[in-house]
PDB file of N, CA and C in Angstrom:
ATOM      1  N   MET A   1     -12.445  33.634  -2.454  1.00  0.00           N
ATOM      2  CA  MET A   1     -11.438  32.485  -3.047  1.00  0.00           C
ATOM      3  C   MET A   1     -12.688  31.287  -3.919  1.00  0.00           C
ATOM      4  N   THR A   2     -12.112  31.047  -4.925  1.00  0.00           N
ATOM      5  CA  THR A   2     -13.099  30.042  -5.502  1.00  0.00           C
ATOM      6  C   THR A   2     -12.862  28.482  -5.448  1.00  0.00           C
ATOM      7  N   ASP A   3     -13.415  27.419  -5.662  1.00  0.00           N
ATOM      8  CA  ASP A   3     -13.217  25.932  -5.417  1.00  0.00           C
ATOM      9  C   ASP A   3     -12.044  25.717  -5.927  1.00  0.00           C
ATOM     10  N   ASP A   4     -11.127  26.509  -7.010  1.00  0.00           N
ATOM     11  CA  ASP A   4     -10.062  26.188  -7.397  1.00  0.00           C
ATOM     12  C   ASP A   4      -8.765  26.765  -6.839  1.00  0.00           C
ATOM     13  N   ASP A   5      -9.293  27.452  -5.706  1.00  0.00           N
ATOM     14  CA  ASP A   5      -8.090  28.439  -4.954  1.00  0.00           C
ATOM     15  C   ASP A   5      -8.116  27.683  -3.576  1.00  0.00           C
ATOM     16  N   THR A   6      -9.013  26.722  -3.086  1.00  0.00           N
ATOM     17  CA  THR A   6      -8.806  26.254  -1.912  1.00  0.00           C
ATOM     18  C   THR A   6      -7.741  25.010  -1.862  1.00  0.00           C
ATOM     19  N   PHE A   7      -7.352  24.917  -0.845  1.00  0.00           N
ATOM     20  CA  PHE A   7      -6.285  23.793  -0.379  1.00  0.00           C
ATOM     21  C   PHE A   7      -6.940  22.654   0.298  1.00  0.00           C
ATOM     22  N   ASP A   8      -6.868  21.584  -0.105  1.00  0.00           N
ATOM     23  CA  ASP A   8      -7.359  20.475   0.618  1.00  0.00           C
ATOM     24  C   ASP A   8      -6.561  19.888   1.990  1.00  0.00           C
ATOM     25  N   THR A   9      -5.595  20.455   2.226  1.00  0.00           N
ATOM     26  CA  THR A   9      -4.565  19.851   3.418  1.00  0.00           C
ATOM     27  C   THR A   9      -4.541  20.936   4.640  1.00  0.00           C
ATOM     28  N   GLU A  10      -5.664  21.672   4.428  1.00  0.00           N
ATOM     29  CA  GLU A  10      -5.890  22.635   5.801  1.00  0.00           C
ATOM     30  C   GLU A  10      -6.436  21.938   6.649  1.00  0.00           C
ATOM     31  N   LEU A  11      -5.608  22.140   7.802  1.00  0.00           N
ATOM     32  CA  LEU A  11      -6.590  21.212   9.259  1.00  0.00           C
ATOM     33  C   LEU A  11      -7.009  22.304  10.044  1.00  0.00           C
ATOM     34  N   SER A  12      -8.407  22.262  10.643  1.00  0.00           N
ATOM     35  CA  SER A  12      -8.773  22.829  11.646  1.00  0.00           C
ATOM     36  C   SER A  12      -8.168  22.747  12.882  1.00  0.00           C
ATOM     37  N   PRO A  13      -8.227  23.796  14.098  1.00  0.00           N
ATOM     38  CA  PRO A  13      -7.496  23.616  15.145  1.00  0.00           C
ATOM     39  C   PRO A  13      -7.729  22.209  15.978  1.00  0.00           C
ATOM     40  N   ALA A  14      -9.119  21.878  15.857  1.00  0.00           N
ATOM     41  CA  ALA A  14      -9.543  20.398  16.409  1.00  0.00           C
ATOM     42  C   ALA A  14      -8.885  19.396  15.866  1.00  0.00           C
ATOM     43  N   GLU A  15      -8.768  19.377  14.266  1.00  0.00           N
ATOM     44  CA  GLU A  15      -8.123  18.369  13.709  1.00  0.00           C
ATOM     45  C   GLU A  15      -6.743  18.233  13.974  1.00  0.00           C
ATOM     46  N   ARG A  16      -6.050  19.398  14.108  1.00  0.00           N
ATOM     47  CA  ARG A  16      -4.724  19.360  14.254  1.00  0.00           C
ATOM     48  C   ARG A  16      -4.325  18.766  15.701  1.00  0.00           C
ATOM     49  N   GLU A  17      -5.318  19.110  16.472  1.00  0.00           N
ATOM     50  CA  GLU A  17      -5.094  18.663  17.689  1.00  0.00           C
ATOM     51  C   GLU A  17      -5.404  16.945  18.135  1.00  0.00           C
ATOM     52  N   ARG A  18      -6.259  16.400  17.107  1.00  0.00           N
ATOM     53  CA  ARG A  18      -6.436  15.027  17.210  1.00  0.00           C
ATOM     54  C   ARG A  18      -5.170  14.405  16.451  1.00  0.00           C
ATOM     55  N   VAL A  19      -5.067  14.746  15.353  1.00  0.00           N
ATOM     56  CA  VAL A  19      -3.799  14.063  14.683  1.00  0.00           C
ATOM     57  C   VAL A  19      -2.334  14.343  15.522  1.00  0.00           C
ATOM     58  N   ALA A  20      -2.198  15.261  16.094  1.00  0.00           N
ATOM     59  CA  ALA A  20      -1.002  15.293  17.008  1.00  0.00           C
ATOM     60  C   ALA A  20      -1.048  14.162  17.979  1.00  0.00           C
ATOM     61  N   LYS A  21      -1.780  13.489  18.256  1.00  0.00           N
ATOM     62  CA  LYS A  21      -2.057  12.664  19.350  1.00  0.00           C
ATOM     63  C   LYS A  21      -1.816  11.204  18.697  1.00  0.00           C
ATOM     64  N   LEU A  22      -1.853  11.052  17.572  1.00  0.00           N
ATOM     65  CA  LEU A  22      -1.637  10.067  16.880  1.00  0.00           C
ATOM     66  C   LEU A  22      -0.339   9.140  17.253  1.00  0.00           C
ATOM     67  N   PRO A  23      -0.122   8.014  17.539  1.00  0.00           N
ATOM     68  CA  PRO A  23       1.053   7.122  17.824  1.00  0.00           C
ATOM     69  C   PRO A  23       1.844   6.594  16.518  1.00  0.00           C
ATOM     70  N   GLU A  24       2.863   6.336  16.599  1.00  0.00           N
ATOM     71  CA  GLU A  24       3.917   6.174  15.507  1.00  0.00           C
ATOM     72  C   GLU A  24       3.240   5.031  14.661  1.00  0.00           C
ATOM     73  N   PRO A  25       2.619   3.885  15.608  1.00  0.00           N
ATOM     74  CA  PRO A  25       2.011   2.737  14.620  1.00  0.00           C
ATOM     75  C   PRO A  25       0.986   3.210  13.816  1.00  0.00           C
ATOM     76  N   ASP A  26       0.053   4.209  14.330  1.00  0.00           N
ATOM     77  CA  ASP A  26      -1.085   4.640  13.501  1.00  0.00           C
ATOM     78  C   ASP A  26      -0.492   5.316  12.506  1.00  0.00           C
ATOM     79  N   LEU A  27       0.423   6.089  12.590  1.00  0.00           N
ATOM     80  CA  LEU A  27       1.035   6.745  11.282  1.00  0.00           C
ATOM     81  C   LEU A  27       1.486   5.941  10.452  1.00  0.00           C
ATOM     82  N   ALA A  28       1.985   4.871  10.701  1.00  0.00           N
ATOM     83  CA  ALA A  28       2.620   3.720   9.826  1.00  0.00           C
ATOM     84  C   ALA A  28       1.632   2.862   9.166  1.00  0.00           C
ATOM     85  N   LEU A  29       0.291   2.838   9.806  1.00  0.00           N
ATOM     86  CA  LEU A  29      -0.946   2.140   9.240  1.00  0.00           C
ATOM     87  C   LEU A  29      -1.416   2.923   8.016  1.00  0.00           C
ATOM     88  N   ILE A  30      -1.341   4.220   8.271  1.00  0.00           N
ATOM     89  CA  ILE A  30      -1.818   5.259   7.512  1.00  0.00           C
ATOM     90  C   ILE A  30      -0.932   5.303   6.462  1.00  0.00           C
ATOM     91  N   ASP A  31       0.189   5.474   6.477  1.00  0.00           N
ATOM     92  CA  ASP A  31       1.275   5.768   5.435  1.00  0.00           C
ATOM     93  C   ASP A  31       0.974   4.073   4.536  1.00  0.00           C
ATOM     94  N   ALA A  32       1.165   3.014   5.164  1.00  0.00           N
ATOM     95  CA  ALA A  32       0.815   1.780   4.472  1.00  0.00           C
ATOM     96  C   ALA A  32      -0.500   1.797   3.667  1.00  0.00           C
ATOM     97  N   ALA A  33      -1.513   2.147   4.271  1.00  0.00           N
ATOM     98  CA  ALA A  33      -2.621   2.300   3.425  1.00  0.00           C
ATOM     99  C   ALA A  33      -2.577   3.230   2.241  1.00  0.00           C
ATOM    100  N   LEU A  34      -1.802   4.363   2.334  1.00  0.00           N
ATOM    101  CA  LEU A  34      -1.642   5.322   1.205  1.00  0.00           C
ATOM    102  C   LEU A  34      -0.952   4.472   0.069  1.00  0.00           C
ATOM    103  N   LEU A  35       0.385   3.646   0.555  1.00  0.00           N
ATOM    104  CA  LEU A  35       1.061   3.267  -0.648  1.00  0.00           C
ATOM    105  C   LEU A  35       0.649   1.919  -1.092  1.00  0.00           C
ATOM    106  N   SER A  36      -0.458   1.278  -0.688  1.00  0.00           N
ATOM    107  CA  SER A  36      -1.425   0.102  -1.189  1.00  0.00           C
ATOM    108  C   SER A  36      -2.386   0.526  -2.122  1.00  0.00           C
ATOM    109  N   GLN A  37      -2.551   1.829  -2.011  1.00  0.00           N
ATOM    110  CA  GLN A  37      -3.519   2.322  -3.063  1.00  0.00           C
ATOM    111  C   GLN A  37      -2.893   3.061  -4.128  1.00  0.00           C
ATOM    112  N   ALA A  38      -1.516   3.432  -4.158  1.00  0.00           N
ATOM    113  CA  ALA A  38      -0.587   3.805  -5.136  1.00  0.00           C
ATOM    114  C   ALA A  38      -0.164   2.607  -6.119  1.00  0.00           C
ATOM    115  N   SER A  39      -0.077   3.289  -7.305  1.00  0.00           N
ATOM    116  CA  SER A  39       0.418   2.275  -8.429  1.00  0.00           C
ATOM    117  C   SER A  39       1.543   2.572  -9.297  1.00  0.00           C
ATOM    118  N   SER A  40       1.962   2.093 -10.233  1.00  0.00           N
ATOM    119  CA  SER A  40       2.873   2.364 -10.950  1.00  0.00           C
ATOM    120  C   SER A  40       2.468   3.556 -12.039  1.00  0.00           C
ATOM    121  N   GLN A  41       1.213   3.553 -12.274  1.00  0.00           N
ATOM    122  CA  GLN A  41       0.575   4.573 -13.062  1.00  0.00           C
ATOM    123  C   GLN A  41       0.160   5.737 -12.125  1.00  0.00           C
ATOM    124  N   TRP A  42      -0.046   6.836 -12.864  1.00  0.00           N
ATOM    125  CA  TRP A  42      -0.546   8.032 -12.024  1.00  0.00           C
ATOM    126  C   TRP A  42      -1.833   7.864 -11.445  1.00  0.00           C
ATOM    127  N   ARG A  43      -2.175   8.117 -10.382  1.00  0.00           N
ATOM    128  CA  ARG A  43      -3.709   8.161  -9.818  1.00  0.00           C
ATOM    129  C   ARG A  43      -3.951   9.366  -8.950  1.00  0.00           C
ATOM    130  N   LYS A  44      -5.001  10.096  -8.964  1.00  0.00           N
ATOM    131  CA  LYS A  44      -5.380  11.480  -8.444  1.00  0.00           C
ATOM    132  C   LYS A  44      -5.220  11.029  -7.003  1.00  0.00           C
ATOM    133  N   VAL A  45      -4.667  11.844  -6.102  1.00  0.00           N
ATOM    134  CA  VAL A  45      -4.311  12.014  -4.611  1.00  0.00           C
ATOM    135  C   VAL A  45      -5.705  11.808  -4.153  1.00  0.00           C
ATOM    136  N   ALA A  46      -6.700  12.308  -4.520  1.00  0.00           N
ATOM    137  CA  ALA A  46      -8.224  12.043  -3.949  1.00  0.00           C
ATOM    138  C   ALA A  46      -8.568  10.810  -3.959  1.00  0.00           C
ATOM    139  N   ARG A  47      -8.284  10.098  -4.873  1.00  0.00           N
ATOM    140  CA  ARG A  47      -8.488   8.375  -5.041  1.00  0.00           C
ATOM    141  C   ARG A  47      -7.637   7.619  -4.017  1.00  0.00           C
ATOM    142  N   VAL A  48      -6.422   8.274  -4.281  1.00  0.00           N
ATOM    143  CA  VAL A  48      -5.657   7.361  -3.116  1.00  0.00           C
ATOM    144  C   VAL A  48      -6.021   7.662  -1.945  1.00  0.00           C
ATOM    145  N   VAL A  49      -6.217   8.686  -1.500  1.00  0.00           N
ATOM    146  CA  VAL A  49      -6.507   9.102  -0.059  1.00  0.00           C
ATOM    147  C   VAL A  49      -7.806   8.339   0.403  1.00  0.00           C
ATOM    148  N   GLY A  50      -9.046   8.438  -0.753  1.00  0.00           N
ATOM    149  CA  GLY A  50     -10.494   8.090  -0.446  1.00  0.00           C
ATOM    150  C   GLY A  50     -10.057   6.353  -0.115  1.00  0.00           C
ATOM    151  N   MET A  51      -9.411   5.720  -1.123  1.00  0.00           N
ATOM    152  CA  MET A  51      -9.703   4.234  -0.922  1.00  0.00           C
ATOM    153  C   MET A  51      -8.756   3.921   0.192  1.00  0.00           C
ATOM    154  N   ALA A  52      -7.520   4.559   0.907  1.00  0.00           N
ATOM    155  CA  ALA A  52      -7.021   4.214   2.000  1.00  0.00           C
ATOM    156  C   ALA A  52      -7.791   4.702   3.166  1.00  0.00           C
ATOM    157  N   MET A  53      -8.597   5.655   3.206  1.00  0.00           N
ATOM    158  CA  MET A  53      -9.420   5.835   4.368  1.00  0.00           C
ATOM    159  C   MET A  53     -10.473   4.765   4.330  1.00  0.00           C
ATOM    160  N   LEU A  54     -11.163   4.264   3.492  1.00  0.00           N
ATOM    161  CA  LEU A  54     -11.954   3.104   3.137  1.00  0.00           C
ATOM    162  C   LEU A  54     -11.241   1.869   4.214  1.00  0.00           C
ATOM    163  N   SER A  55     -10.088   1.848   3.815  1.00  0.00           N
ATOM    164  CA  SER A  55      -9.344   0.595   4.221  1.00  0.00           C
ATOM    165  C   SER A  55      -8.867   0.654   5.684  1.00  0.00           C
ATOM    166  N   MET A  56      -9.186   1.873   6.388  1.00  0.00           N
ATOM    167  CA  MET A  56      -8.624   1.851   7.686  1.00  0.00           C
ATOM    168  C   MET A  56      -9.587   1.516   8.793  1.00  0.00           C
ATOM    169  N   PRO A  57      -8.805   0.782   9.811  1.00  0.00           N
ATOM    170  CA  PRO A  57      -9.517   0.201  11.438  1.00  0.00           C
ATOM    171  C   PRO A  57     -10.299   1.649  11.719  1.00  0.00           C
ATOM    172  N   ASP A  58     -11.393   1.073  12.268  1.00  0.00           N
ATOM    173  CA  ASP A  58     -12.494   1.922  13.209  1.00  0.00           C
ATOM    174  C   ASP A  58     -11.874   2.882  13.816  1.00  0.00           C
ATOM    175  N   HIS A  59     -10.795   2.389  14.666  1.00  0.00           N
ATOM    176  CA  HIS A  59     -10.660   3.600  15.492  1.00  0.00           C
ATOM    177  C   HIS A  59      -9.542   4.605  14.948  1.00  0.00           C
ATOM    178  N   LEU A  60      -9.311   4.889  13.426  1.00  0.00           N
ATOM    179  CA  LEU A  60      -8.948   5.980  12.767  1.00  0.00           C
ATOM    180  C   LEU A  60      -9.918   6.603  12.224  1.00  0.00           C
ATOM    181  N   GLU A  61     -11.216   6.337  11.933  1.00  0.00           N
ATOM    182  CA  GLU A  61     -12.174   6.623  11.063  1.00  0.00           C
ATOM    183  C   GLU A  61     -12.432   8.283  11.239  1.00  0.00           C
ATOM    184  N   ASP A  62     -11.914   8.687  12.171  1.00  0.00           N
ATOM    185  CA  ASP A  62     -12.218  10.157  12.654  1.00  0.00           C
ATOM    186  C   ASP A  62     -11.028  11.064  12.245  1.00  0.00           C
ATOM    187  N   VAL A  63      -9.784  10.440  11.488  1.00  0.00           N
ATOM    188  CA  VAL A  63      -8.734  11.016  10.950  1.00  0.00           C
ATOM    189  C   VAL A  63      -9.088  11.922   9.601  1.00  0.00           C
ATOM    190  N   PRO A  64      -8.909  13.013   9.469  1.00  0.00           N
ATOM    191  CA  PRO A  64      -9.578  13.701   8.356  1.00  0.00           C
ATOM    192  C   PRO A  64      -8.689  13.481   7.141  1.00  0.00           C
ATOM    193  N   ASP A  65      -9.438  13.774   6.079  1.00  0.00           N
ATOM    194  CA  ASP A  65      -8.599  13.515   4.719  1.00  0.00           C
ATOM    195  C   ASP A  65      -7.524  14.271   4.453  1.00  0.00           C
ATOM    196  N   ALA A  66      -7.641  15.602   5.105  1.00  0.00           N
ATOM    197  CA  ALA A  66      -6.637  16.551   4.934  1.00  0.00           C
ATOM    198  C   ALA A  66      -5.284  15.912   5.569  1.00  0.00           C
ATOM    199  N   PHE A  67      -5.423  15.276   6.718  1.00  0.00           N
ATOM    200  CA  PHE A  67      -4.414  14.494   7.059  1.00  0.00           C
ATOM    201  C   PHE A  67      -3.592  13.607   6.424  1.00  0.00           C
ATOM    202  N   PHE A  68      -4.502  12.707   5.654  1.00  0.00           N
ATOM    203  CA  PHE A  68      -3.956  11.872   4.808  1.00  0.00           C
ATOM    204  C   PHE A  68      -3.193  12.381   3.626  1.00  0.00           C
ATOM    205  N   ALA A  69      -3.708  13.653   3.215  1.00  0.00           N
ATOM    206  CA  ALA A  69      -3.261  14.151   1.980  1.00  0.00           C
ATOM    207  C   ALA A  69      -1.761  14.630   2.555  1.00  0.00           C
ATOM    208  N   LYS A  70      -1.671  15.098   3.596  1.00  0.00           N
ATOM    209  CA  LYS A  70      -0.332  15.498   4.285  1.00  0.00           C
ATOM    210  C   LYS A  70       0.622  14.315   4.349  1.00  0.00           C
ATOM    211  N   ARG A  71       0.179  13.532   4.640  1.00  0.00           N
ATOM    212  CA  ARG A  71       0.960  11.998   4.662  1.00  0.00           C
ATOM    213  C   ARG A  71       1.458  11.917   3.380  1.00  0.00           C
ATOM    214  N   VAL A  72       0.546  12.093   2.375  1.00  0.00           N
ATOM    215  CA  VAL A  72       1.001  11.600   0.848  1.00  0.00           C
ATOM    216  C   VAL A  72       2.247  12.582   0.572  1.00  0.00           C
ATOM    217  N   ALA A  73       2.106  13.938   1.112  1.00  0.00           N
ATOM    218  CA  ALA A  73       3.251  14.808   0.769  1.00  0.00           C
ATOM    219  C   ALA A  73       4.536  14.488   1.169  1.00  0.00           C
ATOM    220  N   LEU A  74       4.253  13.674   2.728  1.00  0.00           N
ATOM    221  CA  LEU A  74       5.468  13.157   3.270  1.00  0.00           C
ATOM    222  C   LEU A  74       6.257  12.208   2.429  1.00  0.00           C
ATOM    223  N   LEU A  75       5.268  11.332   1.997  1.00  0.00           N
ATOM    224  CA  LEU A  75       5.691   9.786   1.578  1.00  0.00           C
ATOM    225  C   LEU A  75       6.348  10.137  -0.064  1.00  0.00           C
ATOM    226  N   VAL A  76       5.822  11.628  -0.777  1.00  0.00           N
ATOM    227  CA  VAL A  76       6.408  12.274  -1.935  1.00  0.00           C
ATOM    228  C   VAL A  76       8.213  12.732  -1.483  1.00  0.00           C
ATOM    229  N   ALA A  77       7.932  13.464  -0.460  1.00  0.00           N
ATOM    230  CA  ALA A  77       9.414  14.029   0.104  1.00  0.00           C
ATOM    231  C   ALA A  77      10.285  12.936   0.409  1.00  0.00           C
ATOM    232  N   SER A  78      10.064  11.700   1.085  1.00  0.00           N
ATOM    233  CA  SER A  78      10.898  10.555   1.304  1.00  0.00           C
ATOM    234  C   SER A  78      11.301   9.856  -0.052  1.00  0.00           C
ATOM    235  N   GLY A  79      10.505  10.042  -1.329  1.00  0.00           N
ATOM    236  CA  GLY A  79      11.012   9.366  -2.432  1.00  0.00           C
ATOM    237  C   GLY A  79       9.999   8.010  -2.558  1.00  0.00           C
ATOM    238  N   ARG A  80       9.340   7.899  -1.455  1.00  0.00           N
ATOM    239  CA  ARG A  80       8.512   6.674  -1.770  1.00  0.00           C
ATOM    240  C   ARG A  80       7.154   6.756  -2.757  1.00  0.00           C
ATOM    241  N   LEU A  81       6.872   8.042  -2.906  1.00  0.00           N
ATOM    242  CA  LEU A  81       6.058   8.411  -4.083  1.00  0.00           C
ATOM    243  C   LEU A  81       6.319   9.682  -4.929  1.00  0.00           C
ATOM    244  N   GLU A  82       5.900   9.610  -6.202  1.00  0.00           N
ATOM    245  CA  GLU A  82       6.348  10.542  -7.055  1.00  0.00           C
ATOM    246  C   GLU A  82       4.931  11.444  -7.296  1.00  0.00           C
ATOM    247  N   SER A  83       5.001  12.824  -7.477  1.00  0.00           N
ATOM    248  CA  SER A  83       3.721  13.439  -7.806  1.00  0.00           C
ATOM    249  C   SER A  83       4.177  14.479  -9.128  1.00  0.00           C
ATOM    250  N   GLN A  84       2.816  14.837  -9.325  1.00  0.00           N
ATOM    251  CA  GLN A  84       2.643  15.836 -10.261  1.00  0.00           C
ATOM    252  C   GLN A  84       1.436  16.650 -10.142  1.00  0.00           C
ATOM    253  N   GLY A  85       1.462  18.201 -10.108  1.00  0.00           N
ATOM    254  CA  GLY A  85       0.609  18.937  -9.733  1.00  0.00           C
ATOM    255  C   GLY A  85       0.870  19.497  -8.406  1.00  0.00           C
ATOM    256  N   ASP A  86      -0.259  20.036  -7.906  1.00  0.00           N
ATOM    257  CA  ASP A  86      -0.252  20.958  -6.564  1.00  0.00           C
ATOM    258  C   ASP A  86      -0.689  19.820  -5.688  1.00  0.00           C
ATOM    259  N   LEU A  87       0.249  19.318  -4.518  1.00  0.00           N
ATOM    260  CA  LEU A  87      -0.117  18.353  -3.609  1.00  0.00           C
ATOM    261  C   LEU A  87      -1.302  19.003  -2.677  1.00  0.00           C
ATOM    262  N   ARG A  88      -1.472  20.096  -2.564  1.00  0.00           N
ATOM    263  CA  ARG A  88      -2.059  20.819  -1.429  1.00  0.00           C
ATOM    264  C   ARG A  88      -3.634  20.785  -2.076  1.00  0.00           C
ATOM    265  N   ARG A  89      -3.893  20.322  -3.279  1.00  0.00           N
ATOM    266  CA  ARG A  89      -5.166  20.024  -4.009  1.00  0.00           C
ATOM    267  C   ARG A  89      -5.330  18.885  -4.361  1.00  0.00           C
ATOM    268  N   MET A  90      -5.978  17.959  -3.586  1.00  0.00           N
ATOM    269  CA  MET A  90      -6.044  16.576  -3.935  1.00  0.00           C
ATOM    270  C   MET A  90      -6.561  16.117  -5.515  1.00  0.00           C
ATOM    271  N   ARG A  91      -7.509  16.949  -5.734  1.00  0.00           N
ATOM    272  CA  ARG A  91      -8.388  16.618  -7.083  1.00  0.00           C
ATOM    273  C   ARG A  91      -7.863  17.222  -8.142  1.00  0.00           C
ATOM    274  N   PHE A  92      -6.473  17.973  -8.048  1.00  0.00           N
ATOM    275  CA  PHE A  92      -5.337  18.326  -8.899  1.00  0.00           C
ATOM    276  C   PHE A  92      -4.294  18.253  -8.803  1.00  0.00           C
ATOM    277  N   SER A  93      -3.985  16.773  -8.341  1.00  0.00           N
ATOM    278  CA  SER A  93      -2.522  16.119  -8.087  1.00  0.00           C
ATOM    279  C   SER A  93      -2.506  14.854  -8.299  1.00  0.00           C
ATOM    280  N   GLU A  94      -1.708  14.412  -8.795  1.00  0.00           N
ATOM    281  CA  GLU A  94      -1.454  12.885  -8.970  1.00  0.00           C
ATOM    282  C   GLU A  94      -0.220  12.091  -8.370  1.00  0.00           C
ATOM    283  N   VAL A  95      -0.233  11.044  -7.904  1.00  0.00           N
ATOM    284  CA  VAL A  95       0.990  10.027  -7.440  1.00  0.00           C
ATOM    285  C   VAL A  95       1.075   8.752  -7.841  1.00  0.00           C
ATOM    286  N   ARG A  96       2.443   8.183  -7.957  1.00  0.00           N
ATOM    287  CA  ARG A  96       2.744   7.120  -7.964  1.00  0.00           C
ATOM    288  C   ARG A  96       3.732   6.511  -7.272  1.00  0.00           C
ATOM    289  N   LEU A  97       3.834   5.279  -7.282  1.00  0.00           N
ATOM    290  CA  LEU A  97       4.838   4.630  -6.637  1.00  0.00           C
ATOM    291  C   LEU A  97       6.201   5.351  -7.137  1.00  0.00           C
ATOM    292  N   GLY A  98       7.105   5.627  -6.245  1.00  0.00           N
ATOM    293  CA  GLY A  98       8.482   6.182  -6.520  1.00  0.00           C
ATOM    294  C   GLY A  98       9.445   4.991  -6.909  1.00  0.00           C
ATOM    295  N   SER A  99      10.507   5.444  -7.572  1.00  0.00           N
ATOM    296  CA  SER A  99      11.574   4.434  -7.821  1.00  0.00           C
ATOM    297  C   SER A  99      12.526   3.876  -6.989  1.00  0.00           C
ATOM    298  N   VAL A 100      12.243   4.692  -5.512  1.00  0.00           N
ATOM    299  CA  VAL A 100      13.155   3.968  -4.369  1.00  0.00           C
ATOM    300  C   VAL A 100      12.937   2.566  -3.945  1.00  0.00           C
TER     301      VAL A 100
END
């Protein structure tokens, strides 16, 4: 598998276990951070995720970027963000604020 074939949203079993325990308020914080980094202009998902992660409280510092990318996909599915490209690959997809 080449770098171009890998998906950024894969979580290890330990990561899945960690994020499964996140309470709803933490998920809301993550979503708000992601939305705050989005714009009406297209931005790489990697940028949105990275900047959102930098803005998070210390108790969420061990939440993996792949989980943030999965939350981006959920925000797209809900219509809060629009996307282009393959959302499983952060460097090859972009998002912008949705029209909802």
